[in-house]
N, C-alpha and C. Protein backbone atom coordinates (compact mmCIF):
# COMPACT_ATOMS: atom_id res chain seq x y z
N MET A 1 168.77 -101.94 -55.86
CA MET A 1 168.63 -102.73 -54.71
C MET A 1 169.94 -103.32 -54.24
N ASN A 2 170.07 -103.01 -52.91
CA ASN A 2 171.40 -103.55 -52.43
C ASN A 2 171.60 -105.03 -52.36
N PRO A 3 172.80 -105.43 -52.25
CA PRO A 3 172.99 -106.79 -52.20
C PRO A 3 172.22 -107.76 -51.12
N VAL A 4 172.15 -107.19 -49.99
CA VAL A 4 171.55 -107.90 -48.86
C VAL A 4 169.87 -107.99 -49.19
N ASP A 5 169.36 -106.99 -49.71
CA ASP A 5 167.86 -106.77 -50.21
C ASP A 5 167.66 -107.70 -51.30
N ARG A 6 168.68 -108.00 -52.23
CA ARG A 6 168.55 -108.92 -53.35
C ARG A 6 168.44 -110.36 -52.82
N VAL A 7 169.16 -110.69 -51.71
CA VAL A 7 169.21 -111.90 -51.15
C VAL A 7 167.77 -112.00 -50.42
N ARG A 8 167.40 -111.25 -49.72
CA ARG A 8 165.90 -111.37 -49.14
C ARG A 8 164.92 -111.35 -50.23
N ALA A 9 165.10 -110.73 -51.31
CA ALA A 9 164.02 -110.97 -52.29
C ALA A 9 164.11 -112.39 -52.97
N ALA A 10 165.18 -112.75 -53.22
CA ALA A 10 165.47 -114.31 -53.84
C ALA A 10 164.83 -115.27 -52.82
N LEU A 11 165.06 -115.11 -51.41
CA LEU A 11 164.64 -115.97 -50.57
C LEU A 11 163.08 -115.96 -50.57
N ARG A 12 162.51 -114.80 -50.62
CA ARG A 12 160.96 -114.68 -50.73
C ARG A 12 160.54 -115.37 -52.06
N GLU A 13 161.34 -115.06 -52.95
CA GLU A 13 160.75 -115.77 -54.45
C GLU A 13 160.84 -117.20 -54.35
N LYS A 14 161.64 -117.76 -53.53
CA LYS A 14 161.79 -119.23 -53.32
C LYS A 14 160.82 -119.72 -52.27
N GLY A 15 159.98 -118.93 -51.56
CA GLY A 15 159.01 -119.26 -50.73
C GLY A 15 159.58 -119.38 -49.22
N LEU A 16 160.67 -118.79 -48.97
CA LEU A 16 161.06 -118.75 -47.55
C LEU A 16 160.97 -117.27 -47.01
N ALA A 17 160.77 -117.27 -45.74
CA ALA A 17 160.59 -116.04 -44.96
C ALA A 17 162.03 -115.31 -45.00
N ASP A 18 161.84 -114.15 -44.60
CA ASP A 18 163.01 -113.21 -44.30
C ASP A 18 163.86 -113.56 -42.99
N VAL A 19 164.97 -114.58 -43.30
CA VAL A 19 165.52 -114.92 -42.22
C VAL A 19 167.02 -114.31 -41.96
N VAL A 20 167.16 -113.26 -42.80
CA VAL A 20 168.47 -112.71 -42.92
C VAL A 20 168.93 -112.10 -41.48
N LEU A 21 170.01 -112.36 -41.01
CA LEU A 21 170.54 -111.89 -39.67
C LEU A 21 171.71 -111.07 -40.12
N GLU A 22 171.51 -109.77 -39.85
CA GLU A 22 172.75 -108.60 -39.82
C GLU A 22 173.45 -108.70 -38.52
N LEU A 23 174.63 -109.04 -38.47
CA LEU A 23 175.52 -109.22 -37.46
C LEU A 23 176.15 -107.98 -37.03
N ASP A 24 176.65 -107.75 -35.77
CA ASP A 24 177.55 -106.56 -35.56
C ASP A 24 179.05 -106.84 -35.90
N GLU A 25 179.42 -108.20 -35.94
CA GLU A 25 180.75 -108.48 -36.41
C GLU A 25 180.72 -108.94 -37.76
N THR A 26 181.91 -109.24 -38.37
CA THR A 26 182.12 -109.62 -39.54
C THR A 26 181.69 -111.06 -39.80
N ALA A 27 181.42 -111.57 -40.88
CA ALA A 27 181.16 -113.10 -41.06
C ALA A 27 181.84 -113.42 -42.51
N ALA A 28 182.80 -112.53 -42.89
CA ALA A 28 183.57 -112.66 -44.02
C ALA A 28 184.27 -113.92 -44.39
N THR A 29 184.60 -114.77 -43.25
CA THR A 29 185.34 -116.01 -43.28
C THR A 29 184.48 -116.98 -42.53
N ALA A 30 184.69 -118.28 -42.82
CA ALA A 30 183.90 -119.32 -41.96
C ALA A 30 184.26 -119.18 -40.58
N PRO A 31 185.39 -119.00 -40.18
CA PRO A 31 185.73 -119.02 -38.83
C PRO A 31 185.13 -117.69 -38.00
N LEU A 32 185.25 -116.65 -38.72
CA LEU A 32 184.69 -115.39 -38.28
C LEU A 32 183.22 -115.47 -38.16
N ALA A 33 182.58 -116.02 -38.99
CA ALA A 33 180.99 -116.40 -39.13
C ALA A 33 180.58 -117.14 -37.92
N ALA A 34 181.35 -118.31 -37.74
CA ALA A 34 181.04 -119.22 -36.79
C ALA A 34 181.13 -118.53 -35.32
N ALA A 35 182.07 -117.72 -35.35
CA ALA A 35 182.35 -116.82 -33.75
C ALA A 35 181.23 -116.05 -33.59
N ALA A 36 181.08 -115.34 -34.66
CA ALA A 36 180.01 -114.21 -34.63
C ALA A 36 178.46 -114.81 -34.33
N LEU A 37 178.25 -115.93 -34.94
CA LEU A 37 177.05 -116.63 -34.77
C LEU A 37 176.99 -117.27 -33.29
N SER A 38 178.08 -117.87 -33.08
CA SER A 38 178.10 -118.39 -31.53
C SER A 38 177.74 -117.46 -30.52
N ALA A 39 178.55 -116.25 -30.66
CA ALA A 39 178.32 -115.11 -29.79
C ALA A 39 176.99 -114.66 -29.78
N HIS A 40 176.33 -114.47 -30.99
CA HIS A 40 174.93 -114.05 -31.05
C HIS A 40 174.08 -114.88 -30.52
N HIS A 41 174.06 -116.20 -30.66
CA HIS A 41 173.19 -117.28 -30.17
C HIS A 41 173.58 -117.75 -28.73
N GLY A 42 174.63 -117.57 -28.33
CA GLY A 42 175.00 -118.02 -27.04
C GLY A 42 175.17 -119.60 -26.91
N ARG A 43 175.42 -120.12 -28.10
CA ARG A 43 175.74 -121.52 -28.12
C ARG A 43 176.65 -121.63 -29.41
N PRO A 44 177.63 -122.81 -29.32
CA PRO A 44 178.54 -122.87 -30.49
C PRO A 44 177.90 -123.34 -31.97
N VAL A 45 178.46 -122.58 -32.91
CA VAL A 45 177.90 -122.94 -34.20
C VAL A 45 179.38 -123.48 -34.83
N PRO A 46 179.31 -124.67 -35.38
CA PRO A 46 180.50 -125.34 -35.92
C PRO A 46 180.98 -124.66 -37.15
N VAL A 47 182.16 -124.46 -37.37
CA VAL A 47 182.93 -123.87 -38.63
C VAL A 47 182.27 -124.64 -39.76
N GLY A 48 182.24 -126.01 -39.68
CA GLY A 48 181.62 -126.69 -40.77
C GLY A 48 180.29 -126.35 -41.27
N ALA A 49 179.35 -125.84 -40.48
CA ALA A 49 178.03 -125.51 -40.75
C ALA A 49 178.06 -124.23 -41.45
N ILE A 50 179.19 -123.48 -41.73
CA ILE A 50 179.12 -122.35 -42.46
C ILE A 50 179.32 -122.57 -43.86
N VAL A 51 178.53 -122.00 -44.70
CA VAL A 51 178.62 -122.35 -46.19
C VAL A 51 179.45 -121.34 -46.81
N LYS A 52 180.64 -122.03 -47.45
CA LYS A 52 181.62 -121.09 -48.28
C LYS A 52 180.93 -120.97 -49.79
N SER A 53 180.63 -119.75 -50.10
CA SER A 53 180.17 -119.56 -51.51
C SER A 53 181.39 -119.24 -52.36
N LEU A 54 182.02 -120.12 -53.25
CA LEU A 54 182.99 -119.83 -53.89
C LEU A 54 182.77 -119.66 -55.58
N VAL A 55 183.35 -118.67 -55.96
CA VAL A 55 183.11 -118.49 -57.42
C VAL A 55 184.29 -119.01 -58.26
N PHE A 56 183.93 -120.06 -59.08
CA PHE A 56 184.95 -120.81 -59.89
C PHE A 56 184.69 -120.53 -61.34
N LEU A 57 185.96 -120.49 -62.04
CA LEU A 57 185.75 -120.35 -63.61
C LEU A 57 186.26 -121.80 -63.96
N ILE A 58 185.36 -122.51 -64.64
CA ILE A 58 185.55 -123.91 -65.05
C ILE A 58 185.56 -124.00 -66.51
N ASP A 59 186.68 -124.10 -67.15
CA ASP A 59 186.94 -123.95 -68.60
C ASP A 59 186.29 -122.68 -69.21
N GLY A 60 186.45 -121.60 -68.24
CA GLY A 60 185.90 -120.27 -68.65
C GLY A 60 184.53 -119.95 -68.18
N GLN A 61 183.83 -120.87 -67.84
CA GLN A 61 182.44 -120.82 -67.33
C GLN A 61 182.14 -120.61 -65.83
N CYS A 62 181.42 -119.68 -65.42
CA CYS A 62 181.32 -119.44 -64.10
C CYS A 62 180.44 -120.34 -63.41
N THR A 63 180.80 -120.90 -62.11
CA THR A 63 180.16 -121.76 -61.34
C THR A 63 180.18 -121.45 -59.85
N ILE A 64 179.15 -121.41 -59.17
CA ILE A 64 179.06 -121.26 -57.74
C ILE A 64 179.22 -122.68 -57.05
N VAL A 65 180.34 -122.62 -56.18
CA VAL A 65 180.51 -123.92 -55.48
C VAL A 65 180.22 -123.71 -54.07
N LEU A 66 179.22 -124.44 -53.52
CA LEU A 66 178.96 -124.14 -52.01
C LEU A 66 179.71 -125.37 -51.07
N GLY A 67 180.58 -124.91 -50.33
CA GLY A 67 181.24 -125.80 -49.52
C GLY A 67 181.23 -125.59 -48.10
N THR A 68 181.73 -126.52 -47.30
CA THR A 68 181.63 -126.43 -45.90
C THR A 68 182.95 -125.37 -45.33
N GLY A 69 182.57 -124.77 -44.37
CA GLY A 69 183.73 -123.86 -43.77
C GLY A 69 184.92 -124.58 -43.24
N ASP A 70 184.72 -125.93 -42.84
CA ASP A 70 186.01 -126.60 -42.47
C ASP A 70 186.71 -127.42 -43.30
N ARG A 71 186.38 -127.25 -44.75
CA ARG A 71 187.12 -128.15 -45.57
C ARG A 71 187.34 -127.29 -46.93
N ASN A 72 188.30 -127.73 -47.66
CA ASN A 72 188.79 -127.09 -48.97
C ASN A 72 188.16 -127.88 -50.12
N ILE A 73 187.77 -127.19 -51.21
CA ILE A 73 187.26 -127.76 -52.31
C ILE A 73 188.28 -128.33 -53.15
N ASP A 74 188.18 -129.44 -53.40
CA ASP A 74 189.20 -130.29 -54.39
C ASP A 74 189.17 -129.89 -55.80
N GLN A 75 189.89 -128.97 -56.25
CA GLN A 75 189.54 -128.62 -57.60
C GLN A 75 189.73 -129.65 -58.61
N LYS A 76 190.47 -130.73 -58.57
CA LYS A 76 190.62 -131.87 -59.29
C LYS A 76 189.20 -132.53 -59.47
N ARG A 77 188.60 -132.73 -58.22
CA ARG A 77 187.41 -133.40 -58.24
C ARG A 77 186.26 -132.49 -58.95
N LEU A 78 186.40 -131.14 -58.78
CA LEU A 78 185.37 -130.30 -59.52
C LEU A 78 185.75 -130.45 -60.87
N GLY A 79 186.93 -130.42 -61.29
CA GLY A 79 187.38 -130.56 -62.79
C GLY A 79 186.61 -131.87 -63.37
N GLU A 80 186.95 -132.82 -62.69
CA GLU A 80 186.45 -134.20 -63.02
C GLU A 80 184.96 -134.29 -63.34
N LEU A 81 184.09 -133.44 -62.47
CA LEU A 81 182.72 -133.42 -62.57
C LEU A 81 182.18 -132.78 -63.77
N TYR A 82 183.01 -131.79 -64.30
CA TYR A 82 182.79 -131.14 -65.48
C TYR A 82 183.40 -131.79 -66.84
N GLY A 83 184.22 -132.71 -66.40
CA GLY A 83 184.90 -133.50 -67.64
C GLY A 83 186.25 -132.48 -68.20
N VAL A 84 186.93 -131.86 -67.16
CA VAL A 84 188.07 -131.07 -67.59
C VAL A 84 189.21 -131.49 -66.48
N GLY A 85 190.37 -131.13 -67.03
CA GLY A 85 191.44 -131.22 -66.09
C GLY A 85 191.49 -130.08 -65.01
N ARG A 86 192.11 -130.25 -63.87
CA ARG A 86 192.43 -129.52 -62.82
C ARG A 86 193.00 -128.22 -63.42
N LYS A 87 193.75 -128.01 -64.52
CA LYS A 87 194.28 -126.72 -64.99
C LYS A 87 193.10 -125.76 -65.47
N LYS A 88 192.07 -126.41 -65.82
CA LYS A 88 190.97 -125.68 -66.44
C LYS A 88 189.92 -125.14 -65.30
N VAL A 89 190.35 -125.41 -64.09
CA VAL A 89 189.53 -124.81 -62.91
C VAL A 89 190.26 -123.95 -62.11
N LYS A 90 189.66 -122.64 -62.17
CA LYS A 90 190.33 -121.58 -61.27
C LYS A 90 189.39 -120.89 -60.53
N LEU A 91 189.97 -120.57 -59.28
CA LEU A 91 189.08 -119.68 -58.29
C LEU A 91 189.07 -118.24 -58.90
N ALA A 92 187.89 -117.74 -58.96
CA ALA A 92 187.79 -116.40 -59.53
C ALA A 92 188.39 -115.30 -58.60
N ASP A 93 189.09 -114.34 -59.21
CA ASP A 93 189.51 -113.23 -58.25
C ASP A 93 188.41 -112.35 -57.83
N ALA A 94 188.57 -111.55 -56.95
CA ALA A 94 187.61 -110.54 -56.15
C ALA A 94 186.85 -109.78 -57.12
N ALA A 95 187.59 -109.20 -58.23
CA ALA A 95 186.68 -108.38 -59.12
C ALA A 95 185.96 -109.19 -60.05
N THR A 96 186.34 -110.44 -60.57
CA THR A 96 185.46 -111.17 -61.43
C THR A 96 184.32 -111.61 -60.59
N ALA A 97 184.53 -112.08 -59.37
CA ALA A 97 183.51 -112.64 -58.45
C ALA A 97 182.37 -111.62 -58.40
N LEU A 98 182.74 -110.27 -58.08
CA LEU A 98 181.88 -109.28 -57.99
C LEU A 98 181.05 -108.91 -59.39
N THR A 99 181.81 -109.09 -60.45
CA THR A 99 181.09 -108.85 -61.68
C THR A 99 180.11 -109.79 -62.23
N LEU A 100 180.56 -111.20 -61.72
CA LEU A 100 179.73 -112.34 -62.14
C LEU A 100 178.65 -112.45 -61.32
N THR A 101 178.66 -112.25 -60.05
CA THR A 101 177.67 -112.32 -59.00
C THR A 101 176.98 -111.27 -58.42
N GLY A 102 177.66 -110.10 -58.55
CA GLY A 102 177.00 -108.96 -57.91
C GLY A 102 177.23 -108.81 -56.35
N PHE A 103 178.08 -109.91 -55.88
CA PHE A 103 178.43 -109.77 -54.39
C PHE A 103 179.91 -109.72 -54.33
N GLU A 104 180.55 -108.92 -53.28
CA GLU A 104 181.88 -108.96 -52.93
C GLU A 104 182.28 -110.20 -52.35
N VAL A 105 183.51 -110.56 -52.43
CA VAL A 105 184.20 -111.82 -51.79
C VAL A 105 183.97 -111.63 -50.24
N GLY A 106 183.45 -112.68 -49.57
CA GLY A 106 183.28 -112.52 -48.00
C GLY A 106 181.75 -112.26 -48.10
N GLY A 107 180.96 -112.05 -48.98
CA GLY A 107 179.58 -111.78 -48.91
C GLY A 107 178.82 -112.48 -50.06
N VAL A 108 179.55 -113.51 -50.70
CA VAL A 108 178.69 -114.09 -52.06
C VAL A 108 177.77 -115.05 -51.38
N ALA A 109 176.40 -114.85 -51.84
CA ALA A 109 175.49 -115.64 -51.43
C ALA A 109 175.16 -116.83 -52.47
N PRO A 110 174.50 -117.82 -51.77
CA PRO A 110 174.12 -118.81 -52.88
C PRO A 110 173.03 -118.49 -53.77
N VAL A 111 172.35 -117.48 -53.51
CA VAL A 111 170.96 -116.85 -54.27
C VAL A 111 171.22 -115.39 -54.61
N GLY A 112 170.46 -114.96 -55.54
CA GLY A 112 170.24 -113.34 -55.69
C GLY A 112 171.51 -112.91 -56.59
N HIS A 113 172.13 -113.75 -57.47
CA HIS A 113 173.10 -113.33 -58.25
C HIS A 113 172.44 -112.44 -59.23
N THR A 114 173.38 -111.54 -59.80
CA THR A 114 172.75 -110.61 -60.94
C THR A 114 172.38 -111.33 -62.11
N GLN A 115 172.96 -112.68 -62.22
CA GLN A 115 172.54 -113.34 -63.61
C GLN A 115 172.39 -114.85 -63.14
N PRO A 116 171.83 -115.61 -63.78
CA PRO A 116 171.61 -117.12 -63.36
C PRO A 116 173.00 -117.83 -63.65
N LEU A 117 173.28 -118.46 -62.56
CA LEU A 117 174.61 -119.26 -62.41
C LEU A 117 174.35 -120.70 -61.96
N PRO A 118 175.06 -121.54 -62.51
CA PRO A 118 174.97 -122.87 -61.94
C PRO A 118 175.54 -123.01 -60.54
N VAL A 119 175.14 -123.91 -59.86
CA VAL A 119 175.48 -124.10 -58.40
C VAL A 119 175.90 -125.62 -58.29
N VAL A 120 177.02 -125.83 -57.59
CA VAL A 120 177.28 -127.22 -57.29
C VAL A 120 177.45 -127.21 -55.65
N ILE A 121 177.05 -128.07 -54.92
CA ILE A 121 176.94 -128.17 -53.55
C ILE A 121 177.88 -129.35 -53.08
N ASP A 122 178.77 -129.13 -52.24
CA ASP A 122 179.63 -130.10 -51.71
C ASP A 122 178.73 -131.01 -50.71
N GLN A 123 178.84 -132.27 -51.12
CA GLN A 123 178.03 -133.19 -50.21
C GLN A 123 178.26 -133.15 -48.72
N ALA A 124 179.57 -132.75 -48.40
CA ALA A 124 179.92 -132.58 -46.93
C ALA A 124 179.01 -131.67 -46.07
N LEU A 125 178.36 -130.84 -46.82
CA LEU A 125 177.42 -129.92 -45.92
C LEU A 125 176.20 -130.94 -45.57
N SER A 126 175.96 -132.05 -45.91
CA SER A 126 174.85 -132.82 -45.61
C SER A 126 175.12 -133.36 -44.12
N ARG A 127 176.33 -133.02 -43.54
CA ARG A 127 176.59 -133.31 -42.17
C ARG A 127 175.62 -132.73 -41.16
N PHE A 128 175.19 -131.51 -41.74
CA PHE A 128 174.41 -130.54 -40.79
C PHE A 128 173.21 -130.29 -41.27
N ASP A 129 172.15 -130.37 -40.27
CA ASP A 129 170.75 -130.09 -40.65
C ASP A 129 170.49 -128.68 -41.06
N THR A 130 171.10 -127.74 -40.34
CA THR A 130 171.19 -126.44 -40.75
C THR A 130 172.42 -125.87 -40.93
N VAL A 131 172.52 -125.09 -42.14
CA VAL A 131 173.79 -124.37 -42.25
C VAL A 131 173.44 -123.01 -42.27
N TRP A 132 174.64 -122.25 -42.36
CA TRP A 132 174.45 -120.64 -42.45
C TRP A 132 175.20 -120.18 -43.58
N ALA A 133 174.48 -119.47 -44.57
CA ALA A 133 175.06 -119.02 -45.79
C ALA A 133 175.23 -117.27 -45.70
N SER A 134 175.98 -116.84 -46.49
CA SER A 134 176.17 -115.37 -46.59
C SER A 134 174.87 -114.85 -47.29
N ALA A 135 174.56 -113.77 -46.84
CA ALA A 135 173.35 -113.12 -47.31
C ALA A 135 173.76 -111.74 -48.00
N GLY A 136 174.74 -111.83 -48.87
CA GLY A 136 175.13 -110.70 -49.74
C GLY A 136 176.09 -109.55 -49.11
N ALA A 137 176.40 -109.69 -47.95
CA ALA A 137 177.53 -108.71 -47.40
C ALA A 137 178.11 -109.44 -46.30
N GLN A 138 179.21 -108.89 -46.00
CA GLN A 138 180.24 -109.53 -44.89
C GLN A 138 179.55 -109.57 -43.62
N HIS A 139 178.72 -109.00 -43.24
CA HIS A 139 178.02 -108.95 -42.00
C HIS A 139 176.58 -109.74 -42.05
N ALA A 140 176.24 -110.18 -43.16
CA ALA A 140 174.79 -110.72 -43.12
C ALA A 140 174.80 -112.22 -43.37
N VAL A 141 174.04 -112.88 -42.78
CA VAL A 141 173.87 -114.53 -42.90
C VAL A 141 172.58 -114.89 -42.93
N PHE A 142 172.30 -116.15 -43.38
CA PHE A 142 170.81 -116.63 -43.14
C PHE A 142 171.07 -118.14 -42.80
N PRO A 143 170.18 -118.76 -41.92
CA PRO A 143 170.07 -120.16 -41.58
C PRO A 143 169.14 -120.83 -42.82
N ILE A 144 169.47 -122.10 -43.21
CA ILE A 144 168.63 -122.86 -44.01
C ILE A 144 169.09 -124.26 -43.89
N THR A 145 168.16 -125.13 -44.16
CA THR A 145 168.35 -126.58 -44.01
C THR A 145 169.22 -126.95 -45.31
N TYR A 146 169.89 -128.18 -45.15
CA TYR A 146 170.68 -128.62 -46.19
C TYR A 146 169.74 -129.00 -47.41
N ARG A 147 168.63 -129.45 -47.10
CA ARG A 147 167.63 -129.80 -48.28
C ARG A 147 167.22 -128.50 -48.97
N GLN A 148 166.76 -127.56 -48.00
CA GLN A 148 166.36 -126.31 -48.73
C GLN A 148 167.25 -125.55 -49.61
N LEU A 149 168.68 -125.66 -49.21
CA LEU A 149 169.69 -125.11 -49.96
C LEU A 149 169.84 -125.79 -51.33
N ILE A 150 169.67 -127.06 -51.45
CA ILE A 150 169.69 -127.73 -52.60
C ILE A 150 168.34 -127.33 -53.48
N GLU A 151 167.15 -127.28 -52.79
CA GLU A 151 166.01 -126.75 -53.52
C GLU A 151 166.21 -125.34 -54.11
N ILE A 152 166.57 -124.44 -53.26
CA ILE A 152 166.56 -122.91 -53.73
C ILE A 152 167.55 -122.62 -54.55
N THR A 153 168.58 -123.37 -54.67
CA THR A 153 169.77 -123.15 -55.69
C THR A 153 169.70 -123.96 -56.93
N SER A 154 168.81 -124.97 -56.74
CA SER A 154 168.72 -126.14 -57.88
C SER A 154 170.05 -126.66 -58.01
N GLY A 155 170.91 -126.76 -56.93
CA GLY A 155 172.30 -127.33 -56.76
C GLY A 155 172.50 -128.69 -57.19
N ARG A 156 173.41 -128.86 -57.81
CA ARG A 156 174.17 -130.18 -58.12
C ARG A 156 174.95 -130.73 -56.94
N VAL A 157 174.78 -131.74 -56.44
CA VAL A 157 175.34 -132.40 -55.24
C VAL A 157 176.50 -133.26 -55.71
N ALA A 158 177.69 -132.93 -55.08
CA ALA A 158 178.78 -133.87 -55.39
C ALA A 158 179.73 -133.96 -54.39
N ALA A 159 180.59 -134.92 -54.22
CA ALA A 159 181.76 -135.13 -53.28
C ALA A 159 182.91 -134.30 -53.77
N LEU A 160 183.15 -132.97 -52.97
CA LEU A 160 184.05 -132.28 -53.71
C LEU A 160 185.16 -131.96 -52.57
N SER A 161 185.13 -132.39 -51.50
CA SER A 161 186.09 -132.32 -50.36
C SER A 161 186.46 -133.59 -49.77
N ALA A 162 187.78 -133.53 -49.24
CA ALA A 162 188.13 -134.86 -48.48
C ALA A 162 187.79 -134.77 -46.93
N ALA A 163 187.54 -135.76 -46.44
CA ALA A 163 187.18 -135.85 -44.89
C ALA A 163 188.44 -135.46 -44.21
N LEU A 164 188.22 -134.70 -43.00
CA LEU A 164 189.27 -134.42 -42.23
C LEU A 164 189.95 -135.70 -41.49
N THR A 165 191.07 -135.72 -41.14
CA THR A 165 191.65 -136.75 -40.37
C THR A 165 190.74 -137.11 -39.22
N SER A 166 190.52 -136.04 -38.25
CA SER A 166 189.67 -136.16 -37.11
C SER A 166 188.41 -136.81 -37.47
N GLU A 167 187.64 -136.45 -38.59
CA GLU A 167 186.37 -136.90 -38.94
C GLU A 167 186.51 -138.42 -39.10
N ALA A 168 187.63 -138.78 -39.81
CA ALA A 168 187.70 -140.16 -40.22
C ALA A 168 187.93 -141.08 -38.86
N GLN A 169 188.38 -140.34 -37.76
CA GLN A 169 188.44 -141.02 -36.68
C GLN A 169 187.25 -140.88 -35.65
N GLY A 170 186.18 -140.31 -36.19
CA GLY A 170 184.76 -139.99 -35.46
C GLY A 170 184.88 -138.95 -34.55
N ASP A 171 185.88 -137.94 -34.78
CA ASP A 171 185.97 -136.80 -33.71
C ASP A 171 185.22 -135.53 -34.15
N GLU A 172 184.28 -135.69 -35.23
CA GLU A 172 183.69 -134.42 -35.65
C GLU A 172 182.89 -133.82 -34.78
N THR A 173 182.92 -132.43 -34.87
CA THR A 173 182.17 -131.72 -33.88
C THR A 173 180.75 -131.26 -34.55
């Protein structure tokens, strides 16, 4: 089964419809995904509403971290969540991510991994009612509510990123 079909099957298993959208343009990065979705829908999709699915090795154990497209994950905070220092938190390289999830970087989905993996969700995603996550390939995405994302991943929610300066001043888009 190809990676996009694995995501479709995982979504169906979780009781969701097939909402996977295969785009003409790449959605390999959050800004590219936001631009492609904005063009597709004819209305702006904020970069922050794009889910970054990152593969981390925390003290040697794989964890999927779901963050917002407009923020970076604070690896110190992630380590604290697991009771380890920052030096024990590493972003997996592309080959390791593929081996552990079955997805290539730029297409890592929050579900449909080739093995069960723990998921941590950055609380900052709660700013958006609907977010867009990768569906197993660099051109495939799916919309999901923040609550549904937590439910289908059994994700642990934590504050893993710092607010942007413009957000602190109330200028968030």
